[in-house]
Amino acid sequence: MYSHIKRLRVRGERRPDREISADPGAVGNLTVFRQGAEIVAAFHAGGGTGQPGELLPALFRARLVTMHGQGMLFQGWERPLGHDQKDTESNKQEWSVRLMAAPPEVAPPSQRLG
């Protein structure tokens, strides 16, 4: 799903509302999948964004907490050293997600950032 995402926490601590509001976030492709016994949310560059790979560290034990219109709140755990480092420290993380009807390069002006 093409989405606009803002991270709501840094090293497990909730960011101030002013900081979250000022954050432009990122636009890319959100995928949610099962990896073994865990649900994982991953956020990658969408076609035509010019950015390769992951835009944010993956969210492990991801769960959809709330949904309203085109907005969603995901909670889970972020592994700063990467998703293959299961025995390392994890930080609580939340993503504010706004779904986009089309990829950024073809999205209507009302859904584009910037």
PDB file of N, CA and C in Angstrom:
ATOM      1  N   MET A   1       0.842  -1.170   0.000  1.00  0.00           N
ATOM      2  CA  MET A   1       0.000   0.000   0.000  1.00  0.00           C
ATOM      3  C   MET A   1       0.890   1.237   0.000  1.00  0.00           C
ATOM      4  N   TYR A   2       0.650   2.135  -0.927  1.00  0.00           N
ATOM      5  CA  TYR A   2       1.398   3.391  -0.898  1.00  0.00           C
ATOM      6  C   TYR A   2       0.915   4.202   0.290  1.00  0.00           C
ATOM      7  N   SER A   3       1.863   4.701   1.063  1.00  0.00           N
ATOM      8  CA  SER A   3       1.528   5.349   2.330  1.00  0.00           C
ATOM      9  C   SER A   3       2.481   6.482   2.649  1.00  0.00           C
ATOM     10  N   HIS A   4       2.003   7.375   3.484  1.00  0.00           N
ATOM     11  CA  HIS A   4       2.817   8.432   4.088  1.00  0.00           C
ATOM     12  C   HIS A   4       2.933   8.055   5.561  1.00  0.00           C
ATOM     13  N   ILE A   5       4.179   7.912   6.060  1.00  0.00           N
ATOM     14  CA  ILE A   5       4.397   7.440   7.430  1.00  0.00           C
ATOM     15  C   ILE A   5       5.259   8.413   8.217  1.00  0.00           C
ATOM     16  N   LYS A   6       4.873   8.615   9.484  1.00  0.00           N
ATOM     17  CA  LYS A   6       5.681   9.364  10.449  1.00  0.00           C
ATOM     18  C   LYS A   6       5.976   8.448  11.627  1.00  0.00           C
ATOM     19  N   ARG A   7       7.231   8.436  12.067  1.00  0.00           N
ATOM     20  CA  ARG A   7       7.612   7.692  13.278  1.00  0.00           C
ATOM     21  C   ARG A   7       7.251   8.553  14.482  1.00  0.00           C
ATOM     22  N   LEU A   8       6.589   7.952  15.468  1.00  0.00           N
ATOM     23  CA  LEU A   8       6.123   8.708  16.627  1.00  0.00           C
ATOM     24  C   LEU A   8       7.031   8.569  17.840  1.00  0.00           C
ATOM     25  N   ARG A   9       8.054   7.714  17.749  1.00  0.00           N
ATOM     26  CA  ARG A   9       8.963   7.496  18.880  1.00  0.00           C
ATOM     27  C   ARG A   9      10.414   7.526  18.410  1.00  0.00           C
ATOM     28  N   VAL A  10      11.300   7.894  19.342  1.00  0.00           N
ATOM     29  CA  VAL A  10      12.745   7.844  19.126  1.00  0.00           C
ATOM     30  C   VAL A  10      13.339   7.070  20.292  1.00  0.00           C
ATOM     31  N   ARG A  11      14.037   5.978  19.997  1.00  0.00           N
ATOM     32  CA  ARG A  11      14.612   5.110  21.030  1.00  0.00           C
ATOM     33  C   ARG A  11      13.581   4.732  22.093  1.00  0.00           C
ATOM     34  N   GLY A  12      12.344   4.519  21.664  1.00  0.00           N
ATOM     35  CA  GLY A  12      11.284   4.075  22.563  1.00  0.00           C
ATOM     36  C   GLY A  12      10.501   5.179  23.240  1.00  0.00           C
ATOM     37  N   GLU A  13      10.989   6.413  23.193  1.00  0.00           N
ATOM     38  CA  GLU A  13      10.316   7.542  23.854  1.00  0.00           C
ATOM     39  C   GLU A  13       9.446   8.302  22.856  1.00  0.00           C
ATOM     40  N   ARG A  14       8.237   8.653  23.277  1.00  0.00           N
ATOM     41  CA  ARG A  14       7.303   9.389  22.426  1.00  0.00           C
ATOM     42  C   ARG A  14       7.860  10.769  22.094  1.00  0.00           C
ATOM     43  N   ARG A  15       7.807  11.140  20.815  1.00  0.00           N
ATOM     44  CA  ARG A  15       8.259  12.460  20.378  1.00  0.00           C
ATOM     45  C   ARG A  15       7.219  13.509  20.767  1.00  0.00           C
ATOM     46  N   PRO A  16       7.655  14.749  21.021  1.00  0.00           N
ATOM     47  CA  PRO A  16       6.691  15.817  21.306  1.00  0.00           C
ATOM     48  C   PRO A  16       5.781  16.062  20.092  1.00  0.00           C
ATOM     49  N   ASP A  17       4.544  16.462  20.351  1.00  0.00           N
ATOM     50  CA  ASP A  17       3.577  16.703  19.279  1.00  0.00           C
ATOM     51  C   ASP A  17       4.087  17.714  18.256  1.00  0.00           C
ATOM     52  N   ARG A  18       4.753  18.779  18.719  1.00  0.00           N
ATOM     53  CA  ARG A  18       5.286  19.791  17.789  1.00  0.00           C
ATOM     54  C   ARG A  18       6.305  19.178  16.834  1.00  0.00           C
ATOM     55  N   GLU A  19       7.144  18.307  17.363  1.00  0.00           N
ATOM     56  CA  GLU A  19       8.166  17.655  16.540  1.00  0.00           C
ATOM     57  C   GLU A  19       7.521  16.727  15.508  1.00  0.00           C
ATOM     58  N   ILE A  20       6.508  15.996  15.928  1.00  0.00           N
ATOM     59  CA  ILE A  20       5.803  15.098  15.003  1.00  0.00           C
ATOM     60  C   ILE A  20       5.119  15.912  13.909  1.00  0.00           C
ATOM     61  N   SER A  21       4.473  17.012  14.278  1.00  0.00           N
ATOM     62  CA  SER A  21       3.785  17.856  13.295  1.00  0.00           C
ATOM     63  C   SER A  21       4.750  18.445  12.277  1.00  0.00           C
ATOM     64  N   ALA A  22       5.958  18.801  12.718  1.00  0.00           N
ATOM     65  CA  ALA A  22       6.953  19.410  11.830  1.00  0.00           C
ATOM     66  C   ALA A  22       7.654  18.379  10.944  1.00  0.00           C
ATOM     67  N   ASP A  23       7.574  17.111  11.296  1.00  0.00           N
ATOM     68  CA  ASP A  23       8.241  16.050  10.538  1.00  0.00           C
ATOM     69  C   ASP A  23       7.519  15.836   9.206  1.00  0.00           C
ATOM     70  N   PRO A  24       8.226  15.927   8.074  1.00  0.00           N
ATOM     71  CA  PRO A  24       7.555  15.699   6.792  1.00  0.00           C
ATOM     72  C   PRO A  24       7.209  14.233   6.551  1.00  0.00           C
ATOM     73  N   GLY A  25       7.794  13.328   7.333  1.00  0.00           N
ATOM     74  CA  GLY A  25       7.524  11.907   7.142  1.00  0.00           C
ATOM     75  C   GLY A  25       8.156  11.394   5.862  1.00  0.00           C
ATOM     76  N   ALA A  26       7.706  10.239   5.431  1.00  0.00           N
ATOM     77  CA  ALA A  26       8.229   9.617   4.211  1.00  0.00           C
ATOM     78  C   ALA A  26       7.084   8.970   3.453  1.00  0.00           C
ATOM     79  N   VAL A  27       7.236   8.899   2.143  1.00  0.00           N
ATOM     80  CA  VAL A  27       6.238   8.266   1.288  1.00  0.00           C
ATOM     81  C   VAL A  27       6.869   7.036   0.662  1.00  0.00           C
ATOM     82  N   GLY A  28       6.164   5.921   0.728  1.00  0.00           N
ATOM     83  CA  GLY A  28       6.681   4.682   0.155  1.00  0.00           C
ATOM     84  C   GLY A  28       5.629   3.591   0.168  1.00  0.00           C
ATOM     85  N   ASN A  29       6.092   2.359   0.127  1.00  0.00           N
ATOM     86  CA  ASN A  29       5.211   1.203   0.039  1.00  0.00           C
ATOM     87  C   ASN A  29       5.226   0.433   1.359  1.00  0.00           C
ATOM     88  N   LEU A  30       4.085   0.363   2.028  1.00  0.00           N
ATOM     89  CA  LEU A  30       3.930  -0.364   3.288  1.00  0.00           C
ATOM     90  C   LEU A  30       3.466  -1.787   2.994  1.00  0.00           C
ATOM     91  N   THR A  31       4.188  -2.759   3.556  1.00  0.00           N
ATOM     92  CA  THR A  31       3.759  -4.154   3.450  1.00  0.00           C
ATOM     93  C   THR A  31       3.721  -4.755   4.848  1.00  0.00           C
ATOM     94  N   VAL A  32       2.734  -5.591   5.091  1.00  0.00           N
ATOM     95  CA  VAL A  32       2.600  -6.288   6.367  1.00  0.00           C
ATOM     96  C   VAL A  32       2.583  -7.777   6.046  1.00  0.00           C
ATOM     97  N   PHE A  33       3.431  -8.535   6.751  1.00  0.00           N
ATOM     98  CA  PHE A  33       3.556  -9.955   6.454  1.00  0.00           C
ATOM     99  C   PHE A  33       3.925 -10.730   7.710  1.00  0.00           C
ATOM    100  N   ARG A  34       3.812 -12.054   7.619  1.00  0.00           N
ATOM    101  CA  ARG A  34       4.183 -12.935   8.723  1.00  0.00           C
ATOM    102  C   ARG A  34       5.589 -13.452   8.452  1.00  0.00           C
ATOM    103  N   GLN A  35       6.438 -13.360   9.483  1.00  0.00           N
ATOM    104  CA  GLN A  35       7.791 -13.918   9.424  1.00  0.00           C
ATOM    105  C   GLN A  35       7.919 -14.875  10.600  1.00  0.00           C
ATOM    106  N   GLY A  36       7.768 -16.152  10.335  1.00  0.00           N
ATOM    107  CA  GLY A  36       7.721 -17.124  11.421  1.00  0.00           C
ATOM    108  C   GLY A  36       6.471 -16.884  12.246  1.00  0.00           C
ATOM    109  N   ALA A  37       6.652 -16.637  13.544  1.00  0.00           N
ATOM    110  CA  ALA A  37       5.518 -16.398  14.438  1.00  0.00           C
ATOM    111  C   ALA A  37       5.202 -14.916  14.594  1.00  0.00           C
ATOM    112  N   GLU A  38       5.972 -14.038  13.943  1.00  0.00           N
ATOM    113  CA  GLU A  38       5.790 -12.593  14.121  1.00  0.00           C
ATOM    114  C   GLU A  38       5.111 -11.948  12.921  1.00  0.00           C
ATOM    115  N   ILE A  39       4.328 -10.907  13.209  1.00  0.00           N
ATOM    116  CA  ILE A  39       3.787 -10.043  12.167  1.00  0.00           C
ATOM    117  C   ILE A  39       4.761  -8.880  12.031  1.00  0.00           C
ATOM    118  N   VAL A  40       5.147  -8.581  10.787  1.00  0.00           N
ATOM    119  CA  VAL A  40       6.136  -7.538  10.518  1.00  0.00           C
ATOM    120  C   VAL A  40       5.533  -6.515   9.565  1.00  0.00           C
ATOM    121  N   ALA A  41       5.767  -5.232   9.847  1.00  0.00           N
ATOM    122  CA  ALA A  41       5.412  -4.152   8.927  1.00  0.00           C
ATOM    123  C   ALA A  41       6.721  -3.591   8.387  1.00  0.00           C
ATOM    124  N   ALA A  42       6.832  -3.527   7.068  1.00  0.00           N
ATOM    125  CA  ALA A  42       8.040  -3.004   6.431  1.00  0.00           C
ATOM    126  C   ALA A  42       7.654  -1.835   5.540  1.00  0.00           C
ATOM    127  N   PHE A  43       8.556  -0.869   5.430  1.00  0.00           N
ATOM    128  CA  PHE A  43       8.290   0.344   4.654  1.00  0.00           C
ATOM    129  C   PHE A  43       9.447   0.564   3.696  1.00  0.00           C
ATOM    130  N   HIS A  44       9.176   0.387   2.408  1.00  0.00           N
ATOM    131  CA  HIS A  44      10.196   0.485   1.368  1.00  0.00           C
ATOM    132  C   HIS A  44       9.853   1.600   0.390  1.00  0.00           C
ATOM    133  N   ALA A  45      10.875   2.008  -0.353  1.00  0.00           N
ATOM    134  CA  ALA A  45      10.668   3.001  -1.403  1.00  0.00           C
ATOM    135  C   ALA A  45       9.696   2.438  -2.428  1.00  0.00           C
ATOM    136  N   GLY A  46       8.759   3.264  -2.850  1.00  0.00           N
ATOM    137  CA  GLY A  46       7.820   2.866  -3.892  1.00  0.00           C
ATOM    138  C   GLY A  46       8.420   3.159  -5.250  1.00  0.00           C
ATOM    139  N   GLY A  47       7.837   2.611  -6.280  1.00  0.00           N
ATOM    140  CA  GLY A  47       8.335   2.831  -7.635  1.00  0.00           C
ATOM    141  C   GLY A  47       8.438   4.309  -7.966  1.00  0.00           C
ATOM    142  N   GLY A  48       9.574   4.702  -8.523  1.00  0.00           N
ATOM    143  CA  GLY A  48       9.754   6.078  -8.975  1.00  0.00           C
ATOM    144  C   GLY A  48      10.155   7.065  -7.910  1.00  0.00           C
ATOM    145  N   THR A  49      10.413   6.628  -6.664  1.00  0.00           N
ATOM    146  CA  THR A  49      10.794   7.586  -5.627  1.00  0.00           C
ATOM    147  C   THR A  49      12.271   7.925  -5.681  1.00  0.00           C
ATOM    148  N   GLY A  50      13.072   7.106  -6.371  1.00  0.00           N
ATOM    149  CA  GLY A  50      14.504   7.361  -6.447  1.00  0.00           C
ATOM    150  C   GLY A  50      15.264   6.924  -5.217  1.00  0.00           C
ATOM    151  N   GLN A  51      14.590   6.315  -4.237  1.00  0.00           N
ATOM    152  CA  GLN A  51      15.244   5.870  -3.007  1.00  0.00           C
ATOM    153  C   GLN A  51      15.184   4.348  -2.943  1.00  0.00           C
ATOM    154  N   PRO A  52      16.351   3.681  -2.876  1.00  0.00           N
ATOM    155  CA  PRO A  52      16.330   2.224  -2.800  1.00  0.00           C
ATOM    156  C   PRO A  52      16.103   1.724  -1.377  1.00  0.00           C
ATOM    157  N   GLY A  53      15.574   0.512  -1.256  1.00  0.00           N
ATOM    158  CA  GLY A  53      15.528  -0.188   0.020  1.00  0.00           C
ATOM    159  C   GLY A  53      14.573   0.352   1.057  1.00  0.00           C
ATOM    160  N   GLU A  54      14.839  -0.074   2.318  1.00  0.00           N
ATOM    161  CA  GLU A  54      13.984   0.297   3.449  1.00  0.00           C
ATOM    162  C   GLU A  54      14.067   1.794   3.727  1.00  0.00           C
ATOM    163  N   LEU A  55      12.909   2.393   3.969  1.00  0.00           N
ATOM    164  CA  LEU A  55      12.863   3.802   4.363  1.00  0.00           C
ATOM    165  C   LEU A  55      12.897   3.945   5.879  1.00  0.00           C
ATOM    166  N   LEU A  56      12.392   2.935   6.586  1.00  0.00           N
ATOM    167  CA  LEU A  56      12.397   2.898   8.053  1.00  0.00           C
ATOM    168  C   LEU A  56      12.773   1.489   8.490  1.00  0.00           C
ATOM    169  N   PRO A  57      13.337   1.349   9.691  1.00  0.00           N
ATOM    170  CA  PRO A  57      13.551  -0.008  10.201  1.00  0.00           C
ATOM    171  C   PRO A  57      12.200  -0.727  10.327  1.00  0.00           C
ATOM    172  N   ALA A  58      12.193  -2.019  10.065  1.00  0.00           N
ATOM    173  CA  ALA A  58      10.957  -2.809  10.124  1.00  0.00           C
ATOM    174  C   ALA A  58      10.352  -2.759  11.526  1.00  0.00           C
ATOM    175  N   LEU A  59       9.038  -2.913  11.585  1.00  0.00           N
ATOM    176  CA  LEU A  59       8.289  -2.926  12.835  1.00  0.00           C
ATOM    177  C   LEU A  59       7.899  -4.378  13.123  1.00  0.00           C
ATOM    178  N   PHE A  60       8.445  -4.961  14.191  1.00  0.00           N
ATOM    179  CA  PHE A  60       8.185  -6.350  14.551  1.00  0.00           C
ATOM    180  C   PHE A  60       7.074  -6.433  15.586  1.00  0.00           C
ATOM    181  N   ARG A  61       6.386  -7.574  15.605  1.00  0.00           N
ATOM    182  CA  ARG A  61       5.201  -7.748  16.452  1.00  0.00           C
ATOM    183  C   ARG A  61       4.233  -6.593  16.197  1.00  0.00           C
ATOM    184  N   ALA A  62       4.133  -6.220  14.930  1.00  0.00           N
ATOM    185  CA  ALA A  62       3.303  -5.079  14.528  1.00  0.00           C
ATOM    186  C   ALA A  62       1.832  -5.392  14.741  1.00  0.00           C
ATOM    187  N   ARG A  63       1.108  -4.380  15.182  1.00  0.00           N
ATOM    188  CA  ARG A  63      -0.346  -4.532  15.305  1.00  0.00           C
ATOM    189  C   ARG A  63      -1.007  -3.210  14.969  1.00  0.00           C
ATOM    190  N   LEU A  64      -2.122  -3.320  14.304  1.00  0.00           N
ATOM    191  CA  LEU A  64      -2.928  -2.159  13.960  1.00  0.00           C
ATOM    192  C   LEU A  64      -3.749  -1.803  15.188  1.00  0.00           C
ATOM    193  N   VAL A  65      -3.515  -0.609  15.734  1.00  0.00           N
ATOM    194  CA  VAL A  65      -4.168  -0.198  16.975  1.00  0.00           C
ATOM    195  C   VAL A  65      -5.475   0.517  16.694  1.00  0.00           C
ATOM    196  N   THR A  66      -5.459   1.407  15.716  1.00  0.00           N
ATOM    197  CA  THR A  66      -6.668   2.159  15.400  1.00  0.00           C
ATOM    198  C   THR A  66      -6.660   2.535  13.927  1.00  0.00           C
ATOM    199  N   MET A  67      -7.858   2.769  13.407  1.00  0.00           N
ATOM    200  CA  MET A  67      -8.011   3.146  12.009  1.00  0.00           C
ATOM    201  C   MET A  67      -9.118   4.181  11.929  1.00  0.00           C
ATOM    202  N   HIS A  68      -8.865   5.250  11.168  1.00  0.00           N
ATOM    203  CA  HIS A  68      -9.863   6.306  11.020  1.00  0.00           C
ATOM    204  C   HIS A  68      -9.706   6.910   9.630  1.00  0.00           C
ATOM    205  N   GLY A  69     -10.690   6.725   8.762  1.00  0.00           N
ATOM    206  CA  GLY A  69     -10.591   7.227   7.394  1.00  0.00           C
ATOM    207  C   GLY A  69      -9.406   6.590   6.688  1.00  0.00           C
ATOM    208  N   GLN A  70      -8.488   7.432   6.191  1.00  0.00           N
ATOM    209  CA  GLN A  70      -7.282   6.931   5.528  1.00  0.00           C
ATOM    210  C   GLN A  70      -6.110   6.815   6.494  1.00  0.00           C
ATOM    211  N   GLY A  71      -6.337   7.077   7.781  1.00  0.00           N
ATOM    212  CA  GLY A  71      -5.259   7.045   8.762  1.00  0.00           C
ATOM    213  C   GLY A  71      -5.281   5.795   9.617  1.00  0.00           C
ATOM    214  N   MET A  72      -4.084   5.339   9.986  1.00  0.00           N
ATOM    215  CA  MET A  72      -3.941   4.160  10.839  1.00  0.00           C
ATOM    216  C   MET A  72      -2.808   4.411  11.828  1.00  0.00           C
ATOM    217  N   LEU A  73      -2.871   3.726  12.961  1.00  0.00           N
ATOM    218  CA  LEU A  73      -1.787   3.755  13.937  1.00  0.00           C
ATOM    219  C   LEU A  73      -1.305   2.325  14.138  1.00  0.00           C
ATOM    220  N   PHE A  74      -0.029   2.094  13.838  1.00  0.00           N
ATOM    221  CA  PHE A  74       0.606   0.802  14.074  1.00  0.00           C
ATOM    222  C   PHE A  74       1.527   0.920  15.273  1.00  0.00           C
ATOM    223  N   GLN A  75       1.562  -0.119  16.104  1.00  0.00           N
ATOM    224  CA  GLN A  75       2.522  -0.210  17.205  1.00  0.00           C
ATOM    225  C   GLN A  75       3.308  -1.494  17.035  1.00  0.00           C
ATOM    226  N   GLY A  76       4.543  -1.465  17.510  1.00  0.00           N
ATOM    227  CA  GLY A  76       5.379  -2.652  17.444  1.00  0.00           C
ATOM    228  C   GLY A  76       6.740  -2.358  18.031  1.00  0.00           C
ATOM    229  N   TRP A  77       7.718  -3.161  17.634  1.00  0.00           N
ATOM    230  CA  TRP A  77       9.075  -3.061  18.163  1.00  0.00           C
ATOM    231  C   TRP A  77      10.059  -2.918  17.021  1.00  0.00           C
ATOM    232  N   GLU A  78      10.995  -2.014  17.193  1.00  0.00           N
ATOM    233  CA  GLU A  78      12.009  -1.730  16.189  1.00  0.00           C
ATOM    234  C   GLU A  78      13.341  -2.292  16.679  1.00  0.00           C
ATOM    235  N   ARG A  79      14.051  -2.953  15.795  1.00  0.00           N
ATOM    236  CA  ARG A  79      15.392  -3.457  16.127  1.00  0.00           C
ATOM    237  C   ARG A  79      16.403  -2.565  15.427  1.00  0.00           C
ATOM    238  N   PRO A  80      17.047  -1.655  16.171  1.00  0.00           N
ATOM    239  CA  PRO A  80      17.960  -0.692  15.548  1.00  0.00           C
ATOM    240  C   PRO A  80      19.084  -1.336  14.735  1.00  0.00           C
ATOM    241  N   LEU A  81      19.496  -2.545  15.087  1.00  0.00           N
ATOM    242  CA  LEU A  81      20.601  -3.193  14.377  1.00  0.00           C
ATOM    243  C   LEU A  81      20.133  -4.044  13.201  1.00  0.00           C
ATOM    244  N   GLY A  82      18.839  -4.066  12.941  1.00  0.00           N
ATOM    245  CA  GLY A  82      18.330  -4.814  11.800  1.00  0.00           C
ATOM    246  C   GLY A  82      17.443  -5.976  12.197  1.00  0.00           C
ATOM    247  N   HIS A  83      16.605  -6.408  11.239  1.00  0.00           N
ATOM    248  CA  HIS A  83      15.607  -7.430  11.546  1.00  0.00           C
ATOM    249  C   HIS A  83      16.187  -8.815  11.753  1.00  0.00           C
ATOM    250  N   ASP A  84      17.424  -9.074  11.330  1.00  0.00           N
ATOM    251  CA  ASP A  84      17.992 -10.402  11.547  1.00  0.00           C
ATOM    252  C   ASP A  84      18.675 -10.524  12.907  1.00  0.00           C
ATOM    253  N   GLN A  85      18.656  -9.468  13.704  1.00  0.00           N
ATOM    254  CA  GLN A  85      19.302  -9.447  15.020  1.00  0.00           C
ATOM    255  C   GLN A  85      18.262  -9.665  16.118  1.00  0.00           C
ATOM    256  N   LYS A  86      17.697 -10.864  16.203  1.00  0.00           N
ATOM    257  CA  LYS A  86      16.589 -11.146  17.121  1.00  0.00           C
ATOM    258  C   LYS A  86      16.957 -11.014  18.591  1.00  0.00           C
ATOM    259  N   ASP A  87      18.222 -11.223  18.941  1.00  0.00           N
ATOM    260  CA  ASP A  87      18.617 -11.191  20.350  1.00  0.00           C
ATOM    261  C   ASP A  87      19.137  -9.829  20.799  1.00  0.00           C
ATOM    262  N   THR A  88      19.009  -8.808  19.968  1.00  0.00           N
ATOM    263  CA  THR A  88      19.478  -7.477  20.342  1.00  0.00           C
ATOM    264  C   THR A  88      18.338  -6.665  20.952  1.00  0.00           C
ATOM    265  N   GLU A  89      18.703  -5.526  21.494  1.00  0.00           N
ATOM    266  CA  GLU A  89      17.722  -4.632  22.117  1.00  0.00           C
ATOM    267  C   GLU A  89      16.681  -4.178  21.093  1.00  0.00           C
ATOM    268  N   SER A  90      15.438  -4.099  21.534  1.00  0.00           N
ATOM    269  CA  SER A  90      14.342  -3.600  20.709  1.00  0.00           C
ATOM    270  C   SER A  90      13.750  -2.375  21.380  1.00  0.00           C
ATOM    271  N   ASN A  91      13.276  -1.450  20.570  1.00  0.00           N
ATOM    272  CA  ASN A  91      12.630  -0.244  21.080  1.00  0.00           C
ATOM    273  C   ASN A  91      11.173  -0.230  20.648  1.00  0.00           C
ATOM    274  N   LYS A  92      10.290   0.193  21.562  1.00  0.00           N
ATOM    275  CA  LYS A  92       8.886   0.360  21.206  1.00  0.00           C
ATOM    276  C   LYS A  92       8.805   1.454  20.145  1.00  0.00           C
ATOM    277  N   GLN A  93       7.948   1.245  19.136  1.00  0.00           N
ATOM    278  CA  GLN A  93       7.801   2.220  18.065  1.00  0.00           C
ATOM    279  C   GLN A  93       6.335   2.293  17.658  1.00  0.00           C
ATOM    280  N   GLU A  94       5.933   3.457  17.178  1.00  0.00           N
ATOM    281  CA  GLU A  94       4.588   3.665  16.639  1.00  0.00           C
ATOM    282  C   GLU A  94       4.726   4.390  15.313  1.00  0.00           C
ATOM    283  N   TRP A  95       3.897   4.005  14.364  1.00  0.00           N
ATOM    284  CA  TRP A  95       3.854   4.675  13.069  1.00  0.00           C
ATOM    285  C   TRP A  95       2.473   5.269  12.861  1.00  0.00           C
ATOM    286  N   SER A  96       2.446   6.533  12.461  1.00  0.00           N
ATOM    287  CA  SER A  96       1.225   7.160  11.984  1.00  0.00           C
ATOM    288  C   SER A  96       1.227   6.965  10.470  1.00  0.00           C
ATOM    289  N   VAL A  97       0.223   6.270   9.954  1.00  0.00           N
ATOM    290  CA  VAL A  97       0.188   5.898   8.543  1.00  0.00           C
ATOM    291  C   VAL A  97      -1.020   6.541   7.880  1.00  0.00           C
ATOM    292  N   ARG A  98      -0.783   7.204   6.749  1.00  0.00           N
ATOM    293  CA  ARG A  98      -1.879   7.741   5.930  1.00  0.00           C
ATOM    294  C   ARG A  98      -1.796   7.063   4.571  1.00  0.00           C
ATOM    295  N   LEU A  99      -2.835   6.327   4.209  1.00  0.00           N
ATOM    296  CA  LEU A  99      -2.852   5.617   2.935  1.00  0.00           C
ATOM    297  C   LEU A  99      -2.995   6.587   1.777  1.00  0.00           C
ATOM    298  N   MET A 100      -2.349   6.246   0.665  1.00  0.00           N
ATOM    299  CA  MET A 100      -2.440   7.038  -0.559  1.00  0.00           C
ATOM    300  C   MET A 100      -3.105   6.167  -1.619  1.00  0.00           C
ATOM    301  N   ALA A 101      -3.946   6.770  -2.440  1.00  0.00           N
ATOM    302  CA  ALA A 101      -4.678   6.011  -3.447  1.00  0.00           C
ATOM    303  C   ALA A 101      -3.798   5.579  -4.614  1.00  0.00           C
ATOM    304  N   ALA A 102      -2.658   6.245  -4.814  1.00  0.00           N
ATOM    305  CA  ALA A 102      -1.792   5.949  -5.955  1.00  0.00           C
ATOM    306  C   ALA A 102      -0.343   6.219  -5.573  1.00  0.00           C
ATOM    307  N   PRO A 103       0.605   5.694  -6.347  1.00  0.00           N
ATOM    308  CA  PRO A 103       2.015   5.991  -6.077  1.00  0.00           C
ATOM    309  C   PRO A 103       2.261   7.494  -6.099  1.00  0.00           C
ATOM    310  N   PRO A 104       3.289   7.968  -5.394  1.00  0.00           N
ATOM    311  CA  PRO A 104       3.539   9.406  -5.300  1.00  0.00           C
ATOM    312  C   PRO A 104       3.626  10.116  -6.643  1.00  0.00           C
ATOM    313  N   GLU A 105       4.218   9.482  -7.664  1.00  0.00           N
ATOM    314  CA  GLU A 105       4.394  10.175  -8.942  1.00  0.00           C
ATOM    315  C   GLU A 105       3.092  10.370  -9.705  1.00  0.00           C
ATOM    316  N   VAL A 106       2.026   9.619  -9.345  1.00  0.00           N
ATOM    317  CA  VAL A 106       0.744   9.785 -10.021  1.00  0.00           C
ATOM    318  C   VAL A 106      -0.379  10.176  -9.055  1.00  0.00           C
ATOM    319  N   ALA A 107      -0.034  10.406  -7.808  1.00  0.00           N
ATOM    320  CA  ALA A 107      -1.049  10.777  -6.817  1.00  0.00           C
ATOM    321  C   ALA A 107      -1.609  12.157  -7.141  1.00  0.00           C
ATOM    322  N   PRO A 108      -2.886  12.361  -6.879  1.00  0.00           N
ATOM    323  CA  PRO A 108      -3.460  13.688  -7.085  1.00  0.00           C
ATOM    324  C   PRO A 108      -2.785  14.703  -6.165  1.00  0.00           C
ATOM    325  N   PRO A 109      -2.758  15.979  -6.550  1.00  0.00           N
ATOM    326  CA  PRO A 109      -2.084  17.001  -5.742  1.00  0.00           C
ATOM    327  C   PRO A 109      -2.492  17.007  -4.277  1.00  0.00           C
ATOM    328  N   SER A 110      -3.737  16.676  -3.960  1.00  0.00           N
ATOM    329  CA  SER A 110      -4.189  16.690  -2.565  1.00  0.00           C
ATOM    330  C   SER A 110      -3.506  15.613  -1.729  1.00  0.00           C
ATOM    331  N   GLN A 111      -2.890  14.613  -2.368  1.00  0.00           N
ATOM    332  CA  GLN A 111      -2.229  13.542  -1.628  1.00  0.00           C
ATOM    333  C   GLN A 111      -0.708  13.618  -1.703  1.00  0.00           C
ATOM    334  N   ARG A 112      -0.169  14.604  -2.405  1.00  0.00           N
ATOM    335  CA  ARG A 112       1.284  14.723  -2.531  1.00  0.00           C
ATOM    336  C   ARG A 112       1.858  15.501  -1.369  1.00  0.00           C
ATOM    337  N   LEU A 113       3.088  15.174  -1.032  1.00  0.00           N
ATOM    338  CA  LEU A 113       3.805  15.921   0.006  1.00  0.00           C
ATOM    339  C   LEU A 113       4.626  17.009  -0.653  1.00  0.00           C
ATOM    340  N   GLY A 114       4.803  18.101   0.085  1.00  0.00           N
ATOM    341  CA  GLY A 114       5.723  19.141  -0.390  1.00  0.00           C
ATOM    342  C   GLY A 114       5.124  20.168  -1.210  1.00  0.00           C
TER     343      GLY A 114
END
